[in-house]
C-alpha atoms as a PDB file:
ATOM      1  CA  MET A   1     -93.083 122.645  85.226  1.00  0.00           C
ATOM      2  CA  ARG A   2     -91.616 125.887  83.862  1.00  0.00           C
ATOM      3  CA  SER A   3     -92.519 126.966  80.367  1.00  0.00           C
ATOM      4  CA  LEU A   4     -89.724 126.834  77.777  1.00  0.00           C
ATOM      5  CA  PRO A   5     -90.240 128.947  74.627  1.00  0.00           C
ATOM      6  CA  LEU A   6     -88.953 127.294  71.447  1.00  0.00           C
ATOM      7  CA  PRO A   7     -86.794 129.118  68.875  1.00  0.00           C
ATOM      8  CA  LEU A   8     -88.690 130.216  65.795  1.00  0.00           C
ATOM      9  CA  ALA A   9     -86.731 127.987  63.367  1.00  0.00           C
ATOM     10  CA  LEU A  10     -87.286 124.883  65.509  1.00  0.00           C
ATOM     11  CA  THR A  11     -90.932 125.792  66.170  1.00  0.00           C
ATOM     12  CA  ALA A  12     -91.472 125.642  62.396  1.00  0.00           C
ATOM     13  CA  ARG A  13     -90.260 122.027  62.349  1.00  0.00           C
ATOM     14  CA  LEU A  14     -92.217 120.899  65.454  1.00  0.00           C
ATOM     15  CA  THR A  15     -95.683 120.586  63.872  1.00  0.00           C
ATOM     16  CA  PRO A  16     -98.007 119.954  65.635  1.00  0.00           C
ATOM     17  CA  VAL A  17     -96.869 120.474  69.273  1.00  0.00           C
ATOM     18  CA  ALA A  18     -99.396 120.888  72.108  1.00  0.00           C
ATOM     19  CA  VAL A  19     -98.431 122.157  75.572  1.00  0.00           C
ATOM     20  CA  LEU A  20    -100.513 120.270  78.114  1.00  0.00           C
ATOM     21  CA  ALA A  21    -101.297 122.220  81.289  1.00  0.00           C
ATOM     22  CA  CYS A  22    -100.451 119.474  83.765  1.00  0.00           C
ATOM     23  CA  ALA A  23     -98.951 116.662  81.750  1.00  0.00           C
ATOM     24  CA  GLY A  24     -95.856 118.362  80.258  1.00  0.00           C
ATOM     25  CA  TRP A  25     -94.698 118.252  76.687  1.00  0.00           C
ATOM     26  CA  ALA A  26     -96.186 115.907  74.024  1.00  0.00           C
ATOM     27  CA  LEU A  27     -95.600 115.625  70.284  1.00  0.00           C
ATOM     28  CA  THR A  28     -97.202 113.865  67.365  1.00  0.00           C
ATOM     29  CA  SER A  29     -95.276 113.105  64.173  1.00  0.00           C
ATOM     30  CA  GLY A  30     -95.787 115.415  61.204  1.00  0.00           C
ATOM     31  CA  PRO A  31     -94.073 116.580  58.024  1.00  0.00           C
ATOM     32  CA  ALA A  32     -91.365 119.168  58.143  1.00  0.00           C
ATOM     33  CA  ALA A  33     -92.357 122.747  57.459  1.00  0.00           C
ATOM     34  CA  PRO A  34     -90.146 125.104  55.389  1.00  0.00           C
ATOM     35  CA  PRO A  35     -87.376 126.760  57.445  1.00  0.00           C
ATOM     36  CA  ALA A  36     -88.424 129.992  59.102  1.00  0.00           C
ATOM     37  CA  ALA A  37     -87.549 133.141  57.160  1.00  0.00           C
ATOM     38  CA  GLY A  38     -84.444 134.920  58.334  1.00  0.00           C
ATOM     39  CA  GLN A  39     -82.872 131.865  59.907  1.00  0.00           C
ATOM     40  CA  PRO A  40     -79.239 132.661  60.770  1.00  0.00           C
ATOM     41  CA  ALA A  41     -76.437 131.062  58.839  1.00  0.00           C
ATOM     42  CA  SER A  42     -74.829 127.915  60.173  1.00  0.00           C
ATOM     43  CA  ALA A  43     -72.024 128.153  62.684  1.00  0.00           C
ATOM     44  CA  PRO A  44     -68.587 126.903  61.575  1.00  0.00           C
ATOM     45  CA  ARG A  45     -68.883 123.286  60.630  1.00  0.00           C
ATOM     46  CA  THR A  46     -67.945 120.747  63.245  1.00  0.00           C
ATOM     47  CA  PRO A  47     -65.461 118.126  62.015  1.00  0.00           C
ATOM     48  CA  VAL A  48     -67.183 114.799  61.545  1.00  0.00           C
ATOM     49  CA  GLU A  49     -65.856 112.085  63.819  1.00  0.00           C
ATOM     50  CA  SER A  50     -65.256 108.676  62.310  1.00  0.00           C
ATOM     51  CA  ALA A  51     -68.094 106.249  62.888  1.00  0.00           C
ATOM     52  CA  SER A  52     -67.298 102.827  64.327  1.00  0.00           C
ATOM     53  CA  PRO A  53     -66.794 100.081  61.727  1.00  0.00           C
ATOM     54  CA  ALA A  54     -70.025  98.484  60.549  1.00  0.00           C
ATOM     55  CA  PRO A  55     -70.950  95.863  57.952  1.00  0.00           C
ATOM     56  CA  SER A  56     -71.264  97.148  54.417  1.00  0.00           C
ATOM     57  CA  SER A  57     -74.807  98.021  53.337  1.00  0.00           C
ATOM     58  CA  THR A  58     -74.102  98.181  49.618  1.00  0.00           C
ATOM     59  CA  ALA A  59     -77.265  97.356  47.698  1.00  0.00           C
ATOM     60  CA  VAL A  60     -77.441  95.073  44.687  1.00  0.00           C
ATOM     61  CA  SER A  61     -75.912  96.895  41.706  1.00  0.00           C
ATOM     62  CA  ARG A  62     -78.708  97.595  39.201  1.00  0.00           C
ATOM     63  CA  ASP A  63     -80.808 100.415  37.833  1.00  0.00           C
ATOM     64  CA  TYR A  64     -83.936 101.372  39.760  1.00  0.00           C
ATOM     65  CA  SER A  65     -87.223 102.319  38.095  1.00  0.00           C
ATOM     66  CA  SER A  66     -88.999 103.596  41.213  1.00  0.00           C
ATOM     67  CA  ALA A  67     -88.322 104.674  44.791  1.00  0.00           C
ATOM     68  CA  PRO A  68     -89.042 102.188  47.596  1.00  0.00           C
ATOM     69  CA  ALA A  69     -91.480 102.944  50.424  1.00  0.00           C
ATOM     70  CA  PRO A  70     -89.394 105.229  52.671  1.00  0.00           C
ATOM     71  CA  CYS A  71     -91.315 104.652  55.900  1.00  0.00           C
ATOM     72  CA  GLY A  72     -90.436 100.964  55.737  1.00  0.00           C
ATOM     73  CA  SER A  73     -86.759 101.578  55.051  1.00  0.00           C
ATOM     74  CA  VAL A  74     -85.686 102.010  58.695  1.00  0.00           C
ATOM     75  CA  PRO A  75     -86.448  99.213  61.187  1.00  0.00           C
ATOM     76  CA  ALA A  76     -88.756 100.096  64.080  1.00  0.00           C
ATOM     77  CA  ALA A  77     -85.994  99.223  66.564  1.00  0.00           C
ATOM     78  CA  THR A  78     -83.689 101.788  64.940  1.00  0.00           C
ATOM     79  CA  VAL A  79     -86.399 104.468  64.959  1.00  0.00           C
ATOM     80  CA  LYS A  80     -86.960 103.881  68.692  1.00  0.00           C
ATOM     81  CA  VAL A  81     -83.256 104.457  69.363  1.00  0.00           C
ATOM     82  CA  LEU A  82     -82.783 107.479  67.099  1.00  0.00           C
ATOM     83  CA  VAL A  83     -86.124 109.213  67.726  1.00  0.00           C
ATOM     84  CA  PRO A  84     -87.378 108.205  71.201  1.00  0.00           C
ATOM     85  CA  GLY A  85     -91.126 108.627  71.524  1.00  0.00           C
ATOM     86  CA  ALA A  86     -91.820 108.851  67.785  1.00  0.00           C
ATOM     87  CA  LYS A  87     -94.407 106.724  66.005  1.00  0.00           C
ATOM     88  CA  THR A  88     -92.294 104.031  64.363  1.00  0.00           C
ATOM     89  CA  ALA A  89     -94.531 103.973  61.277  1.00  0.00           C
ATOM     90  CA  GLY A  90     -93.353 107.487  60.382  1.00  0.00           C
ATOM     91  CA  ARG A  91     -95.202 109.800  58.009  1.00  0.00           C
ATOM     92  CA  GLU A  92     -94.574 110.003  54.276  1.00  0.00           C
ATOM     93  CA  ILE A  93     -94.278 113.501  52.828  1.00  0.00           C
ATOM     94  CA  PRO A  94     -96.502 114.146  49.779  1.00  0.00           C
ATOM     95  CA  SER A  95     -94.593 114.009  46.491  1.00  0.00           C
ATOM     96  CA  THR A  96     -95.494 115.185  43.000  1.00  0.00           C
ATOM     97  CA  ASP A  97     -94.040 111.955  41.565  1.00  0.00           C
ATOM     98  CA  THR A  98     -93.589 109.021  43.948  1.00  0.00           C
ATOM     99  CA  LYS A  99     -91.717 107.022  41.300  1.00  0.00           C
ATOM    100  CA  VAL A 100     -88.769 109.425  41.390  1.00  0.00           C
ATOM    101  CA  ARG A 101     -88.868 110.880  44.923  1.00  0.00           C
ATOM    102  CA  ARG A 102     -90.246 109.659  48.263  1.00  0.00           C
ATOM    103  CA  THR A 103     -89.526 110.912  51.785  1.00  0.00           C
ATOM    104  CA  CYS A 104     -90.507 109.757  55.267  1.00  0.00           C
ATOM    105  CA  SER A 105     -90.169 111.727  58.521  1.00  0.00           C
ATOM    106  CA  TRP A 106     -90.071 110.767  62.171  1.00  0.00           C
ATOM    107  CA  ASN A 107     -89.962 113.353  64.973  1.00  0.00           C
ATOM    108  CA  ALA A 108     -90.618 113.519  68.694  1.00  0.00           C
ATOM    109  CA  LEU A 109     -90.093 115.653  71.769  1.00  0.00           C
ATOM    110  CA  LYS A 110     -89.533 113.386  74.767  1.00  0.00           C
ATOM    111  CA  GLY A 111     -89.181 115.430  77.922  1.00  0.00           C
ATOM    112  CA  TYR A 112     -86.922 118.235  76.738  1.00  0.00           C
ATOM    113  CA  ASP A 113     -85.051 116.190  74.095  1.00  0.00           C
ATOM    114  CA  TYR A 114     -86.083 116.700  70.490  1.00  0.00           C
ATOM    115  CA  ARG A 115     -85.086 114.487  67.551  1.00  0.00           C
ATOM    116  CA  TRP A 116     -85.964 114.611  63.854  1.00  0.00           C
ATOM    117  CA  LEU A 117     -85.169 112.034  61.159  1.00  0.00           C
ATOM    118  CA  ASP A 118     -85.851 112.285  57.401  1.00  0.00           C
ATOM    119  CA  VAL A 119     -85.105 109.554  54.856  1.00  0.00           C
ATOM    120  CA  SER A 120     -85.441 110.344  51.140  1.00  0.00           C
ATOM    121  CA  PHE A 121     -85.068 108.258  47.986  1.00  0.00           C
ATOM    122  CA  GLU A 122     -84.513 109.907  44.598  1.00  0.00           C
ATOM    123  CA  ILE A 123     -84.356 108.033  41.300  1.00  0.00           C
ATOM    124  CA  ALA A 124     -82.356 109.556  38.442  1.00  0.00           C
ATOM    125  CA  GLY A 125     -82.585 108.689  34.761  1.00  0.00           C
ATOM    126  CA  SER A 126     -79.202 106.935  34.746  1.00  0.00           C
ATOM    127  CA  PRO A 127     -76.248 106.150  37.023  1.00  0.00           C
ATOM    128  CA  GLU A 128     -74.294 108.939  35.329  1.00  0.00           C
ATOM    129  CA  GLU A 129     -77.030 111.465  36.097  1.00  0.00           C
ATOM    130  CA  ALA A 130     -77.216 110.272  39.718  1.00  0.00           C
ATOM    131  CA  LYS A 131     -73.436 110.578  40.052  1.00  0.00           C
ATOM    132  CA  ARG A 132     -73.480 114.166  38.789  1.00  0.00           C
ATOM    133  CA  GLU A 133     -76.227 115.069  41.250  1.00  0.00           C
ATOM    134  CA  TYR A 134     -74.421 113.323  44.112  1.00  0.00           C
ATOM    135  CA  ASP A 135     -71.115 115.052  43.332  1.00  0.00           C
ATOM    136  CA  GLN A 136     -72.823 118.448  43.174  1.00  0.00           C
ATOM    137  CA  ARG A 137     -74.503 117.986  46.541  1.00  0.00           C
ATOM    138  CA  VAL A 138     -71.305 116.810  48.184  1.00  0.00           C
ATOM    139  CA  ALA A 139     -69.525 119.908  46.855  1.00  0.00           C
ATOM    140  CA  GLU A 140     -72.270 122.114  48.321  1.00  0.00           C
ATOM    141  CA  LYS A 141     -71.891 120.489  51.751  1.00  0.00           C
ATOM    142  CA  SER A 142     -68.139 120.611  52.175  1.00  0.00           C
ATOM    143  CA  GLY A 143     -66.565 119.939  55.549  1.00  0.00           C
ATOM    144  CA  GLY A 144     -67.644 116.319  55.945  1.00  0.00           C
ATOM    145  CA  GLY A 145     -66.080 113.051  54.879  1.00  0.00           C
ATOM    146  CA  ALA A 146     -66.612 109.818  52.974  1.00  0.00           C
ATOM    147  CA  VAL A 147     -68.533 106.900  54.490  1.00  0.00           C
ATOM    148  CA  PRO A 148     -66.844 103.669  53.344  1.00  0.00           C
ATOM    149  CA  GLY A 149     -69.069 100.765  52.345  1.00  0.00           C
ATOM    150  CA  LEU A 150     -72.220 102.849  51.895  1.00  0.00           C
ATOM    151  CA  GLY A 151     -73.541 102.114  48.401  1.00  0.00           C
ATOM    152  CA  ASP A 152     -71.364 103.061  45.440  1.00  0.00           C
ATOM    153  CA  ALA A 153     -70.419 106.278  47.278  1.00  0.00           C
ATOM    154  CA  GLY A 154     -71.298 107.686  50.689  1.00  0.00           C
ATOM    155  CA  TYR A 155     -70.738 111.047  52.387  1.00  0.00           C
ATOM    156  CA  SER A 156     -71.502 112.473  55.833  1.00  0.00           C
ATOM    157  CA  VAL A 157     -71.400 116.008  57.257  1.00  0.00           C
ATOM    158  CA  VAL A 158     -72.495 117.496  60.607  1.00  0.00           C
ATOM    159  CA  ASN A 159     -73.311 121.155  61.289  1.00  0.00           C
ATOM    160  CA  LEU A 160     -74.178 123.145  64.419  1.00  0.00           C
ATOM    161  CA  THR A 161     -76.591 126.099  64.390  1.00  0.00           C
ATOM    162  CA  THR A 162     -77.658 128.419  67.218  1.00  0.00           C
ATOM    163  CA  GLU A 163     -80.765 130.589  67.477  1.00  0.00           C
ATOM    164  CA  ASP A 164     -81.858 132.466  70.616  1.00  0.00           C
ATOM    165  CA  LYS A 165     -79.054 130.645  72.460  1.00  0.00           C
ATOM    166  CA  GLN A 166     -80.620 127.282  71.501  1.00  0.00           C
ATOM    167  CA  GLU A 167     -78.235 124.884  69.753  1.00  0.00           C
ATOM    168  CA  THR A 168     -79.269 122.356  67.115  1.00  0.00           C
ATOM    169  CA  ARG A 169     -76.884 119.835  65.612  1.00  0.00           C
ATOM    170  CA  GLU A 170     -77.783 118.282  62.249  1.00  0.00           C
ATOM    171  CA  GLY A 171     -76.182 115.452  60.339  1.00  0.00           C
ATOM    172  CA  VAL A 172     -76.706 114.772  56.628  1.00  0.00           C
ATOM    173  CA  VAL A 173     -75.684 111.507  54.979  1.00  0.00           C
ATOM    174  CA  MET A 174     -75.875 111.018  51.220  1.00  0.00           C
ATOM    175  CA  ALA A 175     -75.374 107.772  49.344  1.00  0.00           C
ATOM    176  CA  ARG A 176     -75.501 106.782  45.685  1.00  0.00           C
ATOM    177  CA  VAL A 177     -76.409 103.302  44.482  1.00  0.00           C
ATOM    178  CA  SER A 178     -76.467 103.015  40.684  1.00  0.00           C
ATOM    179  CA  ASN A 179     -79.103 105.574  39.584  1.00  0.00           C
ATOM    180  CA  ALA A 180     -80.596 106.026  43.083  1.00  0.00           C
ATOM    181  CA  LEU A 181     -79.758 108.637  45.714  1.00  0.00           C
ATOM    182  CA  VAL A 182     -80.430 108.218  49.422  1.00  0.00           C
ATOM    183  CA  VAL A 183     -80.438 111.340  51.614  1.00  0.00           C
ATOM    184  CA  VAL A 184     -80.761 111.109  55.399  1.00  0.00           C
ATOM    185  CA  THR A 185     -81.134 114.128  57.695  1.00  0.00           C
ATOM    186  CA  TYR A 186     -80.943 113.666  61.466  1.00  0.00           C
ATOM    187  CA  ASN A 187     -80.924 116.454  64.041  1.00  0.00           C
ATOM    188  CA  GLY A 188     -81.553 117.133  67.701  1.00  0.00           C
ATOM    189  CA  SER A 189     -81.752 119.690  70.507  1.00  0.00           C
ATOM    190  CA  ASP A 190     -82.147 119.779  74.280  1.00  0.00           C
ATOM    191  CA  PHE A 191     -84.603 122.495  75.289  1.00  0.00           C
ATOM    192  CA  GLU A 192     -83.646 122.358  78.962  1.00  0.00           C
ATOM    193  CA  THR A 193     -79.896 122.828  78.670  1.00  0.00           C
ATOM    194  CA  LYS A 194     -80.170 124.579  75.263  1.00  0.00           C
ATOM    195  CA  LYS A 195     -77.274 122.378  74.142  1.00  0.00           C
ATOM    196  CA  ALA A 196     -77.198 120.124  71.094  1.00  0.00           C
ATOM    197  CA  PRO A 197     -76.368 116.402  71.087  1.00  0.00           C
ATOM    198  CA  GLY A 198     -72.732 115.547  70.422  1.00  0.00           C
ATOM    199  CA  THR A 199     -71.316 115.306  66.911  1.00  0.00           C
ATOM    200  CA  ASP A 200     -70.598 111.602  67.331  1.00  0.00           C
ATOM    201  CA  GLU A 201     -74.181 110.799  68.369  1.00  0.00           C
ATOM    202  CA  ILE A 202     -75.726 112.651  65.438  1.00  0.00           C
ATOM    203  CA  ASN A 203     -73.196 111.414  62.884  1.00  0.00           C
ATOM    204  CA  LYS A 204     -73.485 107.755  63.885  1.00  0.00           C
ATOM    205  CA  GLY A 205     -77.275 107.992  64.058  1.00  0.00           C
ATOM    206  CA  ALA A 206     -77.516 109.430  60.551  1.00  0.00           C
ATOM    207  CA  ILE A 207     -75.140 106.793  59.171  1.00  0.00           C
ATOM    208  CA  ARG A 208     -77.095 104.003  60.879  1.00  0.00           C
ATOM    209  CA  ALA A 209     -80.340 105.161  59.255  1.00  0.00           C
ATOM    210  CA  ALA A 210     -78.580 105.549  55.887  1.00  0.00           C
ATOM    211  CA  LYS A 211     -77.263 101.985  56.007  1.00  0.00           C
ATOM    212  CA  SER A 212     -80.804 100.737  56.586  1.00  0.00           C
ATOM    213  CA  ALA A 213     -82.139 102.868  53.719  1.00  0.00           C
ATOM    214  CA  VAL A 214     -79.442 101.669  51.303  1.00  0.00           C
ATOM    215  CA  GLY A 215     -80.194  98.105  52.353  1.00  0.00           C
ATOM    216  CA  ALA A 216     -83.877  98.700  51.564  1.00  0.00           C
ATOM    217  CA  LEU A 217     -82.929  99.571  47.973  1.00  0.00           C
ATOM    218  CA  GLY A 218     -81.532  96.091  47.576  1.00  0.00           C
ATOM    219  CA  GLY A 219     -84.619  94.482  49.035  1.00  0.00           C
ATOM    220  CA  GLY A 220     -83.206  94.037  52.521  1.00  0.00           C
ATOM    221  CA  GLN A 221     -82.552  96.041  55.664  1.00  0.00           C
ATOM    222  CA  SER A 222     -79.787  96.355  58.203  1.00  0.00           C
ATOM    223  CA  GLY A 223     -80.121  98.318  61.377  1.00  0.00           C
END
């Protein structure tokens, strides 16, 4: 099998990756590393296609005192679909205060297809504070659109980046439920064709994970 060098920015996120001499590519799940220095700016944003209708995942309206366990927020069946080859248990990223912020990551390289999924919960001091933070983040990620039925407010945006002729498409979904914020990041690349997955695939995948995460806030899951 021919050797395929990975772009620097993506190499930083694939930790650890071992190239086996005769067995091909293999990957174990691990936390995301900071983006590589000098990463080029994003290409023009790709319009987000409308996701197919799905049942509302609005959580019970109340204030939250702590963040739920993020690695249990997405059903194993959903992880298998979104991140083929990943350990369904995921890996929680260390946090300085787990009551206010918790994040879980799943990633895998299956053949030449790479997928990465992050789910984060953030707990603000009040619904008003959470709304201000949500509105600010939406303003910073313009070019997307609202996601109806996702918490008190939901938003989705998809971007395409290219480095060393390798495309990566990333979707970000944000939702607010009372004083809680849910942030889902889902991206992918194909290292054989150097093309990225389609906008619709990434957008729908990110929204699916976000619906599960919002459901977990209310004590239940959908996925």
